Amino acid sequence: MQTIFDIPTRGQGLYEFTDQVAAWVDGADDGLLTLLVRHTSASLLIQENADPEVRTDMRNFFARLVPPSDHPSMSYLTHTYEGPDDMPAHIKAAMLPVSLSIPVAAGRMMLGTWQGIYLFEHRNAPHRRQVAAHFLAG
């Protein structure tokens, strides 16, 4: 089984799409789900989905860790012609996962109670991101 999830973003932040994935694997056998973000300036995370402050803190942490290319500390960057958020977005995507593997049992992802699946958008502008999904029954 394979599909593509389309995830619209409104700029930098974490966008949960756990329910979409859960609906897609619902009723499947036991197996392994693999997700891959098809972009070089976004990541995938499994993160807490109970408190929205976690998403805010994650975004703020990575913004401090890798500031925009027009920040004085980033003056060494040469790939700057696509905007001050572009190269930092590539760096963040290199630091964070771009694929996830999730076990599935009886058609349910084996996530923990407070775990959700997120696309982490690293660019400022809205985008339409694609996440490729592959389910292999075992």
Protein backbone atom coordinates (compact mmCIF):
# COMPACT_ATOMS: atom_id res chain seq x y z
CA MET A 1 0.00 0.00 0.00
CA GLN A 2 1.27 3.45 -0.87
CA THR A 3 -0.15 6.95 -0.78
CA ILE A 4 0.81 10.62 -0.62
CA PHE A 5 -0.40 12.91 2.16
CA ASP A 6 -0.73 16.58 1.15
CA ILE A 7 -0.10 18.90 4.08
CA PRO A 8 -0.70 22.63 3.68
CA THR A 9 1.43 24.84 5.91
CA ARG A 10 1.14 28.48 6.90
CA GLY A 11 4.84 29.04 7.58
CA GLN A 12 7.28 27.72 10.15
CA GLY A 13 5.83 25.33 12.70
CA LEU A 14 4.71 21.80 13.43
CA TYR A 15 1.63 20.47 11.64
CA GLU A 16 0.07 17.31 13.00
CA PHE A 17 -1.30 14.78 10.54
CA THR A 18 -1.64 11.72 12.80
CA ASP A 19 -5.38 11.35 12.13
CA GLN A 20 -4.88 11.22 8.36
CA VAL A 21 -2.28 8.48 8.69
CA ALA A 22 -4.36 6.55 11.25
CA ALA A 23 -7.36 6.60 8.91
CA TRP A 24 -5.21 5.31 6.04
CA VAL A 25 -3.80 2.30 8.00
CA ASP A 26 -7.12 1.55 9.72
CA GLY A 27 -8.06 -2.05 9.05
CA ALA A 28 -4.63 -3.02 7.72
CA ASP A 29 -2.75 -6.06 8.98
CA ASP A 30 0.32 -5.99 11.19
CA GLY A 31 3.27 -4.40 9.47
CA LEU A 32 5.59 -1.45 9.15
CA LEU A 33 4.63 2.04 8.03
CA THR A 34 7.30 4.25 6.49
CA LEU A 35 6.80 7.99 5.95
CA LEU A 36 9.09 10.24 3.89
CA VAL A 37 8.79 14.01 3.45
CA ARG A 38 9.47 14.83 -0.21
CA HIS A 39 11.14 18.20 0.42
CA THR A 40 14.57 19.46 1.51
CA SER A 41 13.35 22.22 3.82
CA ALA A 42 10.91 20.31 6.05
CA SER A 43 11.19 17.40 8.49
CA LEU A 44 9.06 14.74 10.14
CA LEU A 45 8.78 14.26 13.89
CA ILE A 46 6.98 12.11 16.40
CA GLN A 47 6.30 14.50 19.25
CA GLU A 48 3.89 15.20 22.10
CA ASN A 49 0.42 16.16 20.86
CA ALA A 50 -1.26 17.01 24.18
CA ASP A 51 0.17 20.45 24.97
CA PRO A 52 0.51 22.95 22.08
CA GLU A 53 3.30 24.71 23.99
CA VAL A 54 5.58 21.82 23.01
CA ARG A 55 5.20 22.77 19.34
CA THR A 56 5.87 26.43 20.17
CA ASP A 57 8.97 25.57 22.17
CA MET A 58 10.30 23.24 19.45
CA ARG A 59 9.88 25.95 16.81
CA ASN A 60 11.50 28.59 19.03
CA PHE A 61 14.41 26.32 19.96
CA PHE A 62 15.29 25.58 16.34
CA ALA A 63 14.86 29.25 15.39
CA ARG A 64 17.49 30.13 18.00
CA LEU A 65 19.73 27.22 17.07
CA VAL A 66 19.70 28.08 13.34
CA PRO A 67 18.76 31.76 12.84
CA PRO A 68 17.95 33.31 9.43
CA SER A 69 20.85 33.80 7.03
CA ASP A 70 20.69 37.59 7.46
CA HIS A 71 21.57 37.18 11.16
CA PRO A 72 25.22 38.22 11.82
CA SER A 73 26.08 34.77 13.19
CA MET A 74 25.14 33.22 9.84
CA SER A 75 27.33 35.46 7.66
CA TYR A 76 29.37 32.43 6.52
CA LEU A 77 26.45 31.07 4.44
CA THR A 78 26.73 31.34 0.66
CA HIS A 79 23.36 29.87 -0.41
CA THR A 80 21.30 32.98 0.37
CA TYR A 81 19.56 33.96 -2.89
CA GLU A 82 16.30 32.11 -2.03
CA GLY A 83 15.67 34.21 1.06
CA PRO A 84 17.00 34.37 4.62
CA ASP A 85 14.93 31.35 5.72
CA ASP A 86 16.01 28.97 2.92
CA MET A 87 19.49 27.76 3.90
CA PRO A 88 18.56 27.62 7.60
CA ALA A 89 15.60 25.44 6.57
CA HIS A 90 17.98 23.05 4.78
CA ILE A 91 20.21 22.92 7.87
CA LYS A 92 17.26 22.12 10.14
CA ALA A 93 16.09 19.40 7.74
CA ALA A 94 19.60 17.92 7.82
CA MET A 95 19.50 17.83 11.63
CA LEU A 96 16.04 16.32 11.99
CA PRO A 97 14.44 13.17 10.55
CA VAL A 98 12.97 13.28 7.05
CA SER A 99 11.58 9.74 7.36
CA LEU A 100 9.88 7.76 10.09
CA SER A 101 9.19 4.06 10.62
CA ILE A 102 6.16 3.17 12.73
CA PRO A 103 5.06 -0.36 13.64
CA VAL A 104 1.39 -1.14 12.96
CA ALA A 105 -0.56 -3.81 14.84
CA ALA A 106 -4.07 -4.82 13.76
CA GLY A 107 -4.47 -1.62 11.74
CA ARG A 108 -3.32 0.76 14.48
CA MET A 109 -0.04 2.60 14.71
CA MET A 110 1.84 1.64 17.86
CA LEU A 111 2.36 5.23 18.98
CA GLY A 112 2.41 6.13 22.65
CA THR A 113 -0.51 7.86 24.36
CA TRP A 114 0.70 11.42 23.76
CA GLN A 115 2.62 10.88 20.52
CA GLY A 116 1.59 12.50 17.25
CA ILE A 117 3.10 12.62 13.77
CA TYR A 118 4.14 16.08 12.62
CA LEU A 119 5.49 17.75 9.55
CA PHE A 120 7.94 20.40 10.74
CA GLU A 121 7.85 23.27 8.23
CA HIS A 122 11.11 25.23 8.24
CA ARG A 123 10.23 27.94 5.68
CA ASN A 124 8.38 31.20 6.43
CA ALA A 125 6.00 31.14 3.47
CA PRO A 126 3.02 28.80 3.18
CA HIS A 127 3.75 25.59 1.29
CA ARG A 128 1.93 22.47 0.21
CA ARG A 129 4.12 19.61 1.42
CA GLN A 130 3.92 15.98 0.40
CA VAL A 131 4.65 13.01 2.62
CA ALA A 132 4.98 9.66 0.87
CA ALA A 133 3.65 6.69 2.84
CA HIS A 134 4.42 3.02 2.33
CA PHE A 135 2.83 0.25 4.38
CA LEU A 136 4.38 -3.21 4.25
CA ALA A 137 2.29 -5.96 5.83
CA GLY A 138 4.31 -8.53 7.72
